[in-house]
């Protein structure tokens, strides 16, 4: 499992293929324990957020193991790989728009 900070560090290094979109069902045993609060984490949707050189990306409804106290999310390796590729592509697109001084400063994209 990768926490938000570890995932941010991996964004610049990964080159794996994007996996197909599907609802993630987790049956990991035993349930991961939050190291800070010593409580079992909960498998539920969370929001992943990343900032890079003035560009912010938010990906809602990402299933992760989440601490019930502070909401710190830990992602599976498969989810991490998909987030890395998706966020990298969005950051690159937004930086190109920023470089050409686009009048648009916020974009909402949904894949159905």
Protein backbone atom coordinates (compact mmCIF):
# COMPACT_ATOMS: atom_id res chain seq x y z
CA UNK A 1 0.00 0.00 0.00
CA UNK A 2 1.18 3.51 -0.75
CA UNK A 3 0.25 6.62 1.23
CA UNK A 4 -0.43 9.99 -0.36
CA UNK A 5 3.14 11.19 0.18
CA UNK A 6 4.73 8.07 -1.29
CA UNK A 7 2.36 8.24 -4.25
CA UNK A 8 3.33 11.85 -4.92
CA UNK A 9 7.00 10.85 -4.97
CA UNK A 10 6.30 8.01 -7.42
CA UNK A 11 4.48 10.28 -9.92
CA UNK A 12 7.73 11.30 -11.60
CA UNK A 13 9.19 7.79 -11.82
CA UNK A 14 6.53 5.35 -13.01
CA UNK A 15 6.05 4.21 -16.61
CA UNK A 16 3.49 1.39 -16.36
CA UNK A 17 0.45 0.96 -18.60
CA UNK A 18 -2.93 2.32 -17.54
CA UNK A 19 -5.19 -0.46 -16.30
CA UNK A 20 -8.86 -0.69 -17.31
CA UNK A 21 -11.41 1.16 -15.18
CA UNK A 22 -13.40 -1.03 -12.81
CA UNK A 23 -14.85 -0.95 -9.33
CA UNK A 24 -12.25 -2.25 -6.93
CA UNK A 25 -13.30 -4.97 -4.51
CA UNK A 26 -10.79 -5.54 -1.74
CA UNK A 27 -10.52 -8.70 0.31
CA UNK A 28 -7.11 -8.16 1.89
CA UNK A 29 -6.64 -10.12 5.08
CA UNK A 30 -5.75 -8.93 7.59
CA UNK A 31 -7.11 -5.41 7.35
CA UNK A 32 -4.28 -2.84 7.39
CA UNK A 33 -3.76 -0.98 10.66
CA UNK A 34 -3.12 2.78 10.84
CA UNK A 35 0.41 3.14 12.23
CA UNK A 36 -0.34 6.46 13.91
CA UNK A 37 -3.68 5.63 15.55
CA UNK A 38 -3.33 1.83 15.85
CA UNK A 39 -6.84 1.30 14.43
CA UNK A 40 -8.01 -0.83 11.49
CA UNK A 41 -8.29 1.11 8.26
CA UNK A 42 -11.58 1.19 6.32
CA UNK A 43 -11.94 0.21 2.63
CA UNK A 44 -13.86 3.12 1.11
CA UNK A 45 -13.74 5.86 -1.52
CA UNK A 46 -11.35 8.74 -0.94
CA UNK A 47 -10.14 11.74 -2.92
CA UNK A 48 -6.56 11.87 -4.22
CA UNK A 49 -5.07 15.36 -4.61
CA UNK A 50 -1.75 16.37 -6.14
CA UNK A 51 -0.10 19.76 -6.82
CA UNK A 52 2.81 20.45 -9.16
CA UNK A 53 4.16 23.86 -10.15
CA UNK A 54 0.88 25.71 -9.73
CA UNK A 55 -1.30 22.94 -11.21
CA UNK A 56 -3.67 21.01 -8.93
CA UNK A 57 -5.38 17.72 -9.75
CA UNK A 58 -8.13 16.13 -7.66
CA UNK A 59 -9.38 12.60 -8.37
CA UNK A 60 -12.50 11.80 -6.29
CA UNK A 61 -13.97 8.38 -5.48
CA UNK A 62 -10.71 6.42 -5.44
CA UNK A 63 -11.02 3.28 -3.30
CA UNK A 64 -8.34 3.05 -0.64
CA UNK A 65 -7.65 1.87 2.89
CA UNK A 66 -8.51 4.98 4.93
CA UNK A 67 -7.75 5.82 8.55
CA UNK A 68 -11.08 6.45 10.33
CA UNK A 69 -9.51 9.18 12.48
CA UNK A 70 -7.60 11.47 10.09
CA UNK A 71 -8.65 10.20 6.65
CA UNK A 72 -5.09 9.34 5.55
CA UNK A 73 -5.48 7.04 2.53
CA UNK A 74 -3.29 4.11 1.48
CA UNK A 75 -3.67 2.94 -2.12
CA UNK A 76 -3.10 -0.51 -3.60
CA UNK A 77 -0.20 -0.86 -6.07
CA UNK A 78 -2.68 -1.20 -8.96
CA UNK A 79 -4.52 1.98 -7.98
CA UNK A 80 -1.19 3.76 -7.51
CA UNK A 81 -0.09 2.82 -11.04
CA UNK A 82 -3.34 4.10 -12.53
CA UNK A 83 -3.25 7.33 -10.53
CA UNK A 84 0.35 8.00 -11.58
CA UNK A 85 -0.43 7.75 -15.27
CA UNK A 86 -3.73 9.61 -15.11
CA UNK A 87 -2.44 12.46 -12.97
CA UNK A 88 0.74 12.79 -15.04
CA UNK A 89 -1.32 13.18 -18.23
CA UNK A 90 -3.62 15.75 -16.63
CA UNK A 91 -0.69 17.75 -15.22
CA UNK A 92 1.07 17.81 -18.60
CA UNK A 93 -2.10 18.97 -20.38
CA UNK A 94 -2.77 21.68 -17.80
CA UNK A 95 0.86 22.91 -17.98
CA UNK A 96 0.59 23.25 -21.77
CA UNK A 97 -2.59 25.31 -21.34
CA UNK A 98 -0.87 27.42 -18.67
CA UNK A 99 2.16 28.01 -20.94
CA UNK A 100 -0.01 29.37 -23.73
CA UNK A 101 -1.81 31.55 -21.17
CA UNK A 102 -5.21 29.98 -21.71
CA UNK A 103 -8.17 31.98 -20.42
CA UNK A 104 -9.47 28.79 -18.82
CA UNK A 105 -8.05 28.01 -15.39
CA UNK A 106 -10.20 25.15 -14.19
CA UNK A 107 -11.25 21.95 -15.97
CA UNK A 108 -13.67 19.21 -14.95
CA UNK A 109 -13.25 15.92 -16.77
CA UNK A 110 -15.40 12.82 -16.24
CA UNK A 111 -14.97 9.41 -17.84
CA UNK A 112 -18.20 7.44 -18.03
